Amino acid sequence: MPTLLVVVSSKDLVPLLLMSSQTWLTQEAADRLRAELANLEGLGRKEVTAKIEAARAEGDLKENGGYHAARDEQGKMEARIRQLKQMLENAHIGTPPPSADGKVGAGMVVTATIGGDEMRFLLGSREINSGDLDVYSEKSPLGAAVMGAHIGAIVTYTAPNGRVITVEIKAAEFYA
């Protein structure tokens, strides 16, 4: 019987490690996402199916813009349904355990001085925010720079335009 050997380089491990990060959702955010999922799986699918059927009834599908637009809409909706299901299945609902070590983590509201300006933002998923806070993914350049840093630390990151930006972390508390 042949043996299967899988070789994984350290470069390939980085995305796997990032995928294993935990997502915390407030009960309000989880309820909002469940409602969106229920709407998409019910009424949303019925509406898109009706659009596809109406466009299909018009005749030639090769040159039917309405049909292709409805199919694109269906594909985007199904992708969002998969994303919501995955997020809700793997998310922790409630408040993350407090960080006893004083480090910045996902699900925290961070107050920092960035390039000389004070800013408050949520580090984590856009799905958990229902307020006026800007949200930065822990995988974004800013998020990666502050993730795991201690309160009071000064870190830097490289912006997409190539500029190096200095960040001083002033405070971090869990989003409620």
N, C-alpha and C. Protein backbone atom coordinates (compact mmCIF):
# COMPACT_ATOMS: atom_id res chain seq x y z
N MET A 1 0.85 -1.18 0.00
CA MET A 1 0.00 0.00 0.00
C MET A 1 0.89 1.24 0.00
N PRO A 2 0.67 2.19 -0.93
CA PRO A 2 1.51 3.38 -0.99
C PRO A 2 1.27 4.30 0.21
N THR A 3 2.32 5.01 0.59
CA THR A 3 2.25 5.96 1.70
C THR A 3 2.16 7.36 1.14
N LEU A 4 1.29 8.15 1.69
CA LEU A 4 1.15 9.54 1.27
C LEU A 4 1.99 10.41 2.20
N LEU A 5 2.89 11.17 1.62
CA LEU A 5 3.74 12.07 2.39
C LEU A 5 3.37 13.50 2.02
N VAL A 6 3.02 14.27 3.00
CA VAL A 6 2.66 15.66 2.77
C VAL A 6 3.76 16.53 3.37
N VAL A 7 4.32 17.40 2.55
CA VAL A 7 5.38 18.30 3.00
C VAL A 7 4.78 19.70 3.10
N VAL A 8 4.92 20.30 4.25
CA VAL A 8 4.40 21.64 4.47
C VAL A 8 5.56 22.53 4.89
N SER A 9 5.74 23.62 4.15
CA SER A 9 6.81 24.55 4.52
C SER A 9 6.30 25.48 5.61
N SER A 10 7.22 26.16 6.29
CA SER A 10 6.82 27.09 7.34
C SER A 10 6.00 28.24 6.76
N LYS A 11 6.23 28.59 5.49
CA LYS A 11 5.45 29.63 4.84
C LYS A 11 3.98 29.21 4.76
N ASP A 12 3.70 27.91 4.54
CA ASP A 12 2.34 27.42 4.43
C ASP A 12 1.65 27.34 5.78
N LEU A 13 2.43 27.29 6.87
CA LEU A 13 1.82 27.18 8.19
C LEU A 13 1.21 28.49 8.66
N VAL A 14 1.71 29.62 8.19
CA VAL A 14 1.21 30.91 8.65
C VAL A 14 -0.29 31.06 8.42
N PRO A 15 -0.80 30.79 7.17
CA PRO A 15 -2.25 30.92 7.01
C PRO A 15 -3.03 29.94 7.89
N LEU A 16 -2.48 28.74 8.11
CA LEU A 16 -3.17 27.77 8.96
C LEU A 16 -3.25 28.28 10.40
N LEU A 17 -2.18 28.90 10.88
CA LEU A 17 -2.18 29.43 12.23
C LEU A 17 -3.15 30.61 12.35
N LEU A 18 -3.19 31.45 11.31
CA LEU A 18 -4.11 32.58 11.35
C LEU A 18 -5.56 32.13 11.33
N MET A 19 -5.84 31.02 10.60
CA MET A 19 -7.20 30.54 10.52
C MET A 19 -7.68 29.98 11.85
N SER A 20 -6.76 29.60 12.72
CA SER A 20 -7.15 29.00 13.98
C SER A 20 -7.46 30.05 15.06
N SER A 21 -7.32 31.35 14.73
CA SER A 21 -7.62 32.37 15.73
C SER A 21 -9.10 32.33 16.06
N GLN A 22 -9.42 32.62 17.31
CA GLN A 22 -10.79 32.53 17.76
C GLN A 22 -11.53 33.82 17.46
N THR A 23 -12.80 33.69 17.08
CA THR A 23 -13.66 34.85 16.87
C THR A 23 -14.66 34.90 18.01
N TRP A 24 -14.74 36.03 18.67
CA TRP A 24 -15.70 36.24 19.74
C TRP A 24 -16.79 37.15 19.23
N LEU A 25 -18.04 36.78 19.48
CA LEU A 25 -19.19 37.60 19.11
C LEU A 25 -20.00 37.91 20.34
N THR A 26 -20.49 39.13 20.42
CA THR A 26 -21.42 39.45 21.49
C THR A 26 -22.73 38.73 21.17
N GLN A 27 -23.59 38.57 22.16
CA GLN A 27 -24.88 37.92 21.93
C GLN A 27 -25.68 38.72 20.90
N GLU A 28 -25.61 40.05 20.98
CA GLU A 28 -26.32 40.91 20.03
C GLU A 28 -25.83 40.67 18.61
N ALA A 29 -24.52 40.59 18.41
CA ALA A 29 -23.96 40.37 17.08
C ALA A 29 -24.34 38.98 16.56
N ALA A 30 -24.29 37.97 17.43
CA ALA A 30 -24.66 36.62 17.02
C ALA A 30 -26.13 36.57 16.60
N ASP A 31 -27.00 37.22 17.36
CA ASP A 31 -28.43 37.25 17.02
C ASP A 31 -28.65 37.96 15.68
N ARG A 32 -27.92 39.07 15.46
CA ARG A 32 -28.04 39.81 14.21
C ARG A 32 -27.59 38.96 13.02
N LEU A 33 -26.50 38.21 13.21
CA LEU A 33 -26.00 37.35 12.13
C LEU A 33 -26.94 36.17 11.87
N ARG A 34 -27.52 35.61 12.93
CA ARG A 34 -28.49 34.52 12.75
C ARG A 34 -29.72 35.01 11.99
N ALA A 35 -30.18 36.23 12.29
CA ALA A 35 -31.33 36.80 11.59
C ALA A 35 -31.00 37.03 10.11
N GLU A 36 -29.80 37.53 9.84
CA GLU A 36 -29.38 37.72 8.45
C GLU A 36 -29.33 36.38 7.72
N LEU A 37 -28.78 35.37 8.37
CA LEU A 37 -28.70 34.04 7.77
C LEU A 37 -30.10 33.49 7.48
N ALA A 38 -31.00 33.60 8.42
CA ALA A 38 -32.37 33.11 8.23
C ALA A 38 -33.05 33.83 7.07
N ASN A 39 -32.83 35.14 6.97
CA ASN A 39 -33.41 35.92 5.88
C ASN A 39 -32.85 35.48 4.53
N LEU A 40 -31.53 35.30 4.46
CA LEU A 40 -30.91 34.89 3.20
C LEU A 40 -31.34 33.49 2.78
N GLU A 41 -31.42 32.57 3.76
CA GLU A 41 -31.80 31.19 3.43
C GLU A 41 -33.28 31.08 3.07
N GLY A 42 -34.10 31.97 3.56
CA GLY A 42 -35.54 31.91 3.29
C GLY A 42 -35.94 32.83 2.16
N LEU A 43 -36.27 34.06 2.52
CA LEU A 43 -36.78 35.04 1.57
C LEU A 43 -35.75 35.37 0.49
N GLY A 44 -34.49 35.50 0.86
CA GLY A 44 -33.43 35.85 -0.11
C GLY A 44 -33.33 34.84 -1.23
N ARG A 45 -33.31 33.55 -0.88
CA ARG A 45 -33.22 32.50 -1.90
C ARG A 45 -34.46 32.50 -2.79
N LYS A 46 -35.63 32.70 -2.20
CA LYS A 46 -36.87 32.72 -2.99
C LYS A 46 -36.86 33.87 -4.00
N GLU A 47 -36.40 35.04 -3.56
CA GLU A 47 -36.36 36.20 -4.45
C GLU A 47 -35.40 35.99 -5.60
N VAL A 48 -34.22 35.46 -5.31
CA VAL A 48 -33.23 35.23 -6.37
C VAL A 48 -33.72 34.15 -7.33
N THR A 49 -34.34 33.11 -6.80
CA THR A 49 -34.87 32.05 -7.66
C THR A 49 -35.94 32.61 -8.59
N ALA A 50 -36.79 33.49 -8.06
CA ALA A 50 -37.83 34.12 -8.88
C ALA A 50 -37.21 34.97 -9.99
N LYS A 51 -36.14 35.71 -9.67
CA LYS A 51 -35.46 36.52 -10.68
C LYS A 51 -34.87 35.64 -11.77
N ILE A 52 -34.26 34.52 -11.37
CA ILE A 52 -33.65 33.61 -12.35
C ILE A 52 -34.74 33.02 -13.25
N GLU A 53 -35.84 32.59 -12.66
CA GLU A 53 -36.94 32.02 -13.44
C GLU A 53 -37.53 33.04 -14.42
N ALA A 54 -37.71 34.28 -13.95
CA ALA A 54 -38.24 35.32 -14.82
C ALA A 54 -37.29 35.59 -15.99
N ALA A 55 -36.00 35.65 -15.71
CA ALA A 55 -35.02 35.90 -16.77
C ALA A 55 -34.92 34.71 -17.71
N ARG A 56 -35.04 33.50 -17.17
CA ARG A 56 -34.98 32.30 -18.00
C ARG A 56 -36.17 32.26 -18.97
N ALA A 57 -37.31 32.76 -18.54
CA ALA A 57 -38.52 32.76 -19.37
C ALA A 57 -38.39 33.71 -20.56
N GLU A 58 -37.45 34.64 -20.48
CA GLU A 58 -37.25 35.59 -21.58
C GLU A 58 -36.62 34.96 -22.81
N GLY A 59 -36.04 33.79 -22.65
CA GLY A 59 -35.49 33.11 -23.83
C GLY A 59 -34.00 32.87 -23.74
N ASP A 60 -33.30 33.18 -24.83
CA ASP A 60 -31.88 32.89 -25.01
C ASP A 60 -31.05 33.32 -23.80
N LEU A 61 -30.42 32.35 -23.14
CA LEU A 61 -29.67 32.62 -21.93
C LEU A 61 -28.27 33.18 -22.21
N LYS A 62 -27.74 32.93 -23.39
CA LYS A 62 -26.39 33.39 -23.71
C LYS A 62 -26.27 34.91 -23.70
N GLU A 63 -27.31 35.58 -24.15
CA GLU A 63 -27.27 37.04 -24.25
C GLU A 63 -28.27 37.69 -23.31
N ASN A 64 -28.64 37.00 -22.27
CA ASN A 64 -29.64 37.51 -21.34
C ASN A 64 -28.93 38.10 -20.12
N GLY A 65 -28.78 39.42 -20.10
CA GLY A 65 -28.07 40.11 -19.01
C GLY A 65 -28.76 39.94 -17.67
N GLY A 66 -30.09 39.93 -17.67
CA GLY A 66 -30.85 39.76 -16.43
C GLY A 66 -30.59 38.40 -15.80
N TYR A 67 -30.49 37.38 -16.64
CA TYR A 67 -30.23 36.03 -16.14
C TYR A 67 -28.84 35.96 -15.51
N HIS A 68 -27.85 36.50 -16.21
CA HIS A 68 -26.48 36.45 -15.68
C HIS A 68 -26.34 37.28 -14.41
N ALA A 69 -27.02 38.42 -14.35
CA ALA A 69 -26.98 39.25 -13.13
C ALA A 69 -27.63 38.50 -11.96
N ALA A 70 -28.74 37.83 -12.21
CA ALA A 70 -29.41 37.07 -11.14
C ALA A 70 -28.55 35.91 -10.68
N ARG A 71 -27.87 35.25 -11.60
CA ARG A 71 -26.97 34.15 -11.21
C ARG A 71 -25.78 34.67 -10.40
N ASP A 72 -25.25 35.83 -10.77
CA ASP A 72 -24.16 36.44 -9.99
C ASP A 72 -24.65 36.78 -8.58
N GLU A 73 -25.85 37.35 -8.50
CA GLU A 73 -26.42 37.69 -7.20
C GLU A 73 -26.60 36.43 -6.36
N GLN A 74 -27.04 35.35 -7.00
CA GLN A 74 -27.23 34.08 -6.29
C GLN A 74 -25.88 33.57 -5.76
N GLY A 75 -24.85 33.66 -6.56
CA GLY A 75 -23.53 33.21 -6.14
C GLY A 75 -23.00 34.00 -4.95
N LYS A 76 -23.18 35.32 -4.99
CA LYS A 76 -22.73 36.16 -3.87
C LYS A 76 -23.53 35.86 -2.61
N MET A 77 -24.83 35.63 -2.78
CA MET A 77 -25.68 35.34 -1.62
C MET A 77 -25.29 33.99 -1.00
N GLU A 78 -25.04 32.99 -1.83
CA GLU A 78 -24.65 31.68 -1.32
C GLU A 78 -23.29 31.75 -0.62
N ALA A 79 -22.39 32.58 -1.13
CA ALA A 79 -21.09 32.77 -0.47
C ALA A 79 -21.27 33.41 0.90
N ARG A 80 -22.16 34.38 0.98
CA ARG A 80 -22.43 35.03 2.28
C ARG A 80 -23.08 34.05 3.24
N ILE A 81 -23.97 33.20 2.74
CA ILE A 81 -24.59 32.18 3.60
C ILE A 81 -23.52 31.24 4.16
N ARG A 82 -22.60 30.80 3.30
CA ARG A 82 -21.51 29.92 3.77
C ARG A 82 -20.64 30.63 4.80
N GLN A 83 -20.34 31.91 4.56
CA GLN A 83 -19.52 32.69 5.49
C GLN A 83 -20.22 32.82 6.84
N LEU A 84 -21.49 33.13 6.83
CA LEU A 84 -22.24 33.28 8.09
C LEU A 84 -22.32 31.96 8.84
N LYS A 85 -22.58 30.86 8.13
CA LYS A 85 -22.66 29.56 8.79
C LYS A 85 -21.33 29.20 9.44
N GLN A 86 -20.24 29.41 8.71
CA GLN A 86 -18.91 29.09 9.24
C GLN A 86 -18.60 29.95 10.45
N MET A 87 -18.92 31.24 10.35
CA MET A 87 -18.63 32.15 11.46
C MET A 87 -19.43 31.76 12.71
N LEU A 88 -20.72 31.49 12.54
CA LEU A 88 -21.57 31.15 13.68
C LEU A 88 -21.21 29.79 14.28
N GLU A 89 -20.78 28.85 13.44
CA GLU A 89 -20.39 27.53 13.95
C GLU A 89 -19.11 27.60 14.77
N ASN A 90 -18.18 28.48 14.38
CA ASN A 90 -16.87 28.51 15.01
C ASN A 90 -16.67 29.62 16.02
N ALA A 91 -17.63 30.54 16.12
CA ALA A 91 -17.47 31.69 17.01
C ALA A 91 -17.81 31.32 18.45
N HIS A 92 -17.19 32.03 19.35
CA HIS A 92 -17.52 31.93 20.77
C HIS A 92 -18.46 33.09 21.07
N ILE A 93 -19.58 32.78 21.71
CA ILE A 93 -20.57 33.81 22.02
C ILE A 93 -20.36 34.25 23.47
N GLY A 94 -20.33 35.54 23.68
CA GLY A 94 -20.15 36.07 25.03
C GLY A 94 -18.97 37.00 25.08
N THR A 95 -18.38 37.12 26.24
CA THR A 95 -17.23 37.99 26.46
C THR A 95 -15.98 37.14 26.57
N PRO A 96 -14.93 37.49 25.84
CA PRO A 96 -13.70 36.72 25.95
C PRO A 96 -13.14 36.79 27.37
N PRO A 97 -12.40 35.78 27.76
CA PRO A 97 -11.80 35.84 29.08
C PRO A 97 -10.84 37.03 29.17
N PRO A 98 -10.80 37.70 30.32
CA PRO A 98 -9.94 38.88 30.43
C PRO A 98 -8.47 38.51 30.22
N SER A 99 -7.76 39.44 29.63
CA SER A 99 -6.35 39.25 29.39
C SER A 99 -5.58 39.64 30.64
N ALA A 100 -5.15 38.65 31.36
CA ALA A 100 -4.44 38.90 32.61
C ALA A 100 -3.04 39.45 32.37
N ASP A 101 -2.52 39.23 31.16
CA ASP A 101 -1.15 39.66 30.90
C ASP A 101 -1.06 41.07 30.31
N GLY A 102 -2.20 41.77 30.15
CA GLY A 102 -2.18 43.14 29.66
C GLY A 102 -1.84 43.28 28.19
N LYS A 103 -2.10 42.24 27.41
CA LYS A 103 -1.81 42.29 25.98
C LYS A 103 -3.07 42.57 25.18
N VAL A 104 -2.88 43.20 24.03
CA VAL A 104 -3.96 43.48 23.11
C VAL A 104 -4.34 42.19 22.39
N GLY A 105 -5.65 41.95 22.26
CA GLY A 105 -6.12 40.76 21.58
C GLY A 105 -7.36 41.05 20.77
N ALA A 106 -7.80 40.07 20.01
CA ALA A 106 -8.99 40.20 19.19
C ALA A 106 -10.20 40.42 20.09
N GLY A 107 -11.13 41.24 19.63
CA GLY A 107 -12.32 41.54 20.41
C GLY A 107 -12.14 42.68 21.39
N MET A 108 -11.02 43.38 21.30
CA MET A 108 -10.75 44.49 22.22
C MET A 108 -10.89 45.83 21.50
N VAL A 109 -11.34 46.82 22.26
CA VAL A 109 -11.35 48.20 21.79
C VAL A 109 -10.02 48.79 22.21
N VAL A 110 -9.26 49.24 21.24
CA VAL A 110 -7.91 49.74 21.47
C VAL A 110 -7.90 51.25 21.31
N THR A 111 -7.28 51.91 22.28
CA THR A 111 -7.04 53.35 22.17
C THR A 111 -5.54 53.50 21.94
N ALA A 112 -5.20 54.19 20.86
CA ALA A 112 -3.78 54.29 20.49
C ALA A 112 -3.51 55.63 19.83
N THR A 113 -2.26 56.04 19.90
CA THR A 113 -1.81 57.21 19.16
C THR A 113 -1.15 56.68 17.90
N ILE A 114 -1.75 57.01 16.76
CA ILE A 114 -1.28 56.49 15.48
C ILE A 114 -0.84 57.66 14.62
N GLY A 115 0.44 57.73 14.35
CA GLY A 115 0.98 58.82 13.55
C GLY A 115 0.68 60.18 14.14
N GLY A 116 0.62 60.29 15.48
CA GLY A 116 0.38 61.55 16.15
C GLY A 116 -1.08 61.83 16.49
N ASP A 117 -2.01 61.05 15.97
CA ASP A 117 -3.44 61.24 16.24
C ASP A 117 -3.96 60.13 17.13
N GLU A 118 -4.76 60.51 18.15
CA GLU A 118 -5.35 59.49 19.01
C GLU A 118 -6.56 58.88 18.31
N MET A 119 -6.70 57.56 18.43
CA MET A 119 -7.75 56.85 17.72
C MET A 119 -8.24 55.69 18.56
N ARG A 120 -9.55 55.41 18.51
CA ARG A 120 -10.14 54.23 19.15
C ARG A 120 -10.68 53.34 18.05
N PHE A 121 -10.37 52.05 18.13
CA PHE A 121 -10.86 51.12 17.12
C PHE A 121 -11.06 49.76 17.74
N LEU A 122 -11.86 48.96 17.07
CA LEU A 122 -12.13 47.59 17.49
C LEU A 122 -11.22 46.67 16.71
N LEU A 123 -10.52 45.79 17.40
CA LEU A 123 -9.65 44.83 16.76
C LEU A 123 -10.41 43.52 16.65
N GLY A 124 -10.72 43.10 15.44
CA GLY A 124 -11.48 41.86 15.27
C GLY A 124 -12.32 41.88 14.02
N SER A 125 -13.43 41.19 14.07
CA SER A 125 -14.31 41.02 12.93
C SER A 125 -15.32 42.17 12.83
N ARG A 126 -15.58 42.63 11.64
CA ARG A 126 -16.59 43.67 11.42
C ARG A 126 -17.97 43.21 11.88
N GLU A 127 -18.17 41.92 11.93
CA GLU A 127 -19.47 41.37 12.27
C GLU A 127 -19.86 41.65 13.72
N ILE A 128 -18.88 41.87 14.60
CA ILE A 128 -19.22 42.06 16.00
C ILE A 128 -19.54 43.50 16.34
N ASN A 129 -19.23 44.43 15.44
CA ASN A 129 -19.43 45.84 15.72
C ASN A 129 -20.83 46.28 15.32
N SER A 130 -21.50 46.96 16.21
CA SER A 130 -22.80 47.52 15.87
C SER A 130 -22.82 49.02 16.18
N GLY A 131 -21.68 49.58 16.45
CA GLY A 131 -21.60 50.99 16.84
C GLY A 131 -20.83 51.83 15.86
N ASP A 132 -20.22 52.88 16.39
CA ASP A 132 -19.52 53.85 15.56
C ASP A 132 -18.02 53.61 15.48
N LEU A 133 -17.54 52.51 16.00
CA LEU A 133 -16.10 52.25 16.00
C LEU A 133 -15.63 51.77 14.63
N ASP A 134 -14.42 52.22 14.25
CA ASP A 134 -13.76 51.62 13.09
C ASP A 134 -13.31 50.24 13.51
N VAL A 135 -13.32 49.30 12.58
CA VAL A 135 -12.93 47.92 12.87
C VAL A 135 -11.73 47.57 12.01
N TYR A 136 -10.71 46.99 12.65
CA TYR A 136 -9.53 46.52 11.93
C TYR A 136 -9.36 45.04 12.22
N SER A 137 -9.19 44.28 11.19
CA SER A 137 -8.95 42.85 11.33
C SER A 137 -7.59 42.64 11.99
N GLU A 138 -7.49 41.56 12.75
CA GLU A 138 -6.18 41.25 13.35
C GLU A 138 -5.17 40.84 12.29
N LYS A 139 -5.62 40.65 11.05
CA LYS A 139 -4.73 40.29 9.94
C LYS A 139 -4.32 41.50 9.12
N SER A 140 -4.93 42.67 9.40
CA SER A 140 -4.56 43.89 8.69
C SER A 140 -3.18 44.35 9.18
N PRO A 141 -2.51 45.24 8.44
CA PRO A 141 -1.20 45.70 8.92
C PRO A 141 -1.25 46.31 10.33
N LEU A 142 -2.24 47.18 10.59
CA LEU A 142 -2.38 47.77 11.92
C LEU A 142 -2.72 46.70 12.95
N GLY A 143 -3.67 45.86 12.63
CA GLY A 143 -4.08 44.80 13.55
C GLY A 143 -2.94 43.85 13.91
N ALA A 144 -2.18 43.46 12.91
CA ALA A 144 -1.04 42.56 13.15
C ALA A 144 0.01 43.23 14.02
N ALA A 145 0.17 44.55 13.87
CA ALA A 145 1.18 45.26 14.66
C ALA A 145 0.80 45.34 16.13
N VAL A 146 -0.48 45.58 16.43
CA VAL A 146 -0.88 45.75 17.83
C VAL A 146 -1.25 44.43 18.50
N MET A 147 -1.59 43.41 17.71
CA MET A 147 -2.00 42.13 18.28
C MET A 147 -0.88 41.54 19.14
N GLY A 148 -1.19 41.29 20.39
CA GLY A 148 -0.22 40.69 21.31
C GLY A 148 0.71 41.68 21.97
N ALA A 149 0.63 42.95 21.59
CA ALA A 149 1.50 43.96 22.19
C ALA A 149 0.95 44.37 23.55
N HIS A 150 1.82 44.78 24.44
CA HIS A 150 1.42 45.23 25.78
C HIS A 150 0.90 46.66 25.73
N ILE A 151 0.00 46.97 26.65
CA ILE A 151 -0.48 48.33 26.79
C ILE A 151 0.72 49.19 27.19
N GLY A 152 0.90 50.32 26.50
CA GLY A 152 2.05 51.19 26.72
C GLY A 152 3.16 50.96 25.70
N ALA A 153 3.06 49.88 24.94
CA ALA A 153 4.10 49.56 23.96
C ALA A 153 4.02 50.50 22.76
N ILE A 154 5.14 50.66 22.11
CA ILE A 154 5.21 51.41 20.85
C ILE A 154 5.60 50.43 19.78
N VAL A 155 4.74 50.29 18.77
CA VAL A 155 4.99 49.36 17.67
C VAL A 155 4.92 50.12 16.36
N THR A 156 5.39 49.52 15.30
CA THR A 156 5.33 50.13 13.97
C THR A 156 4.74 49.12 13.00
N TYR A 157 4.19 49.65 11.92
CA TYR A 157 3.73 48.81 10.82
C TYR A 157 3.94 49.56 9.53
N THR A 158 3.96 48.82 8.45
CA THR A 158 4.13 49.42 7.14
C THR A 158 2.77 49.51 6.47
N ALA A 159 2.36 50.72 6.14
CA ALA A 159 1.08 50.95 5.47
C ALA A 159 1.16 50.43 4.04
N PRO A 160 0.01 50.20 3.40
CA PRO A 160 0.01 49.73 2.01
C PRO A 160 0.78 50.63 1.05
N ASN A 161 0.90 51.93 1.38
CA ASN A 161 1.66 52.84 0.51
C ASN A 161 3.16 52.78 0.78
N GLY A 162 3.60 51.93 1.72
CA GLY A 162 5.02 51.76 2.02
C GLY A 162 5.53 52.61 3.16
N ARG A 163 4.70 53.50 3.69
CA ARG A 163 5.11 54.38 4.79
C ARG A 163 5.10 53.61 6.11
N VAL A 164 6.12 53.82 6.93
CA VAL A 164 6.19 53.19 8.25
C VAL A 164 5.46 54.09 9.24
N ILE A 165 4.51 53.51 9.96
CA ILE A 165 3.68 54.27 10.89
C ILE A 165 3.90 53.76 12.31
N THR A 166 4.09 54.70 13.23
CA THR A 166 4.32 54.38 14.64
C THR A 166 3.00 54.42 15.40
N VAL A 167 2.81 53.41 16.27
CA VAL A 167 1.59 53.29 17.06
C VAL A 167 1.97 53.13 18.52
N GLU A 168 1.42 53.99 19.38
CA GLU A 168 1.60 53.84 20.82
C GLU A 168 0.27 53.38 21.41
N ILE A 169 0.26 52.21 22.05
CA ILE A 169 -0.96 51.66 22.60
C ILE A 169 -1.21 52.27 23.98
N LYS A 170 -2.33 52.97 24.12
CA LYS A 170 -2.68 53.66 25.35
C LYS A 170 -3.54 52.79 26.27
N ALA A 171 -4.53 52.10 25.69
CA ALA A 171 -5.45 51.28 26.49
C ALA A 171 -6.08 50.23 25.59
N ALA A 172 -6.59 49.19 26.22
CA ALA A 172 -7.31 48.13 25.51
C ALA A 172 -8.28 47.46 26.48
N GLU A 173 -9.56 47.43 26.09
CA GLU A 173 -10.54 46.75 26.92
C GLU A 173 -11.46 45.95 25.99
N PHE A 174 -12.08 44.91 26.52
CA PHE A 174 -12.93 44.07 25.71
C PHE A 174 -14.18 44.81 25.29
N TYR A 175 -14.57 44.59 24.05
CA TYR A 175 -15.77 45.21 23.49
C TYR A 175 -17.00 44.62 24.16
N ALA A 176 -17.89 45.49 24.58
CA ALA A 176 -19.10 44.98 25.25
C ALA A 176 -20.33 45.36 24.48
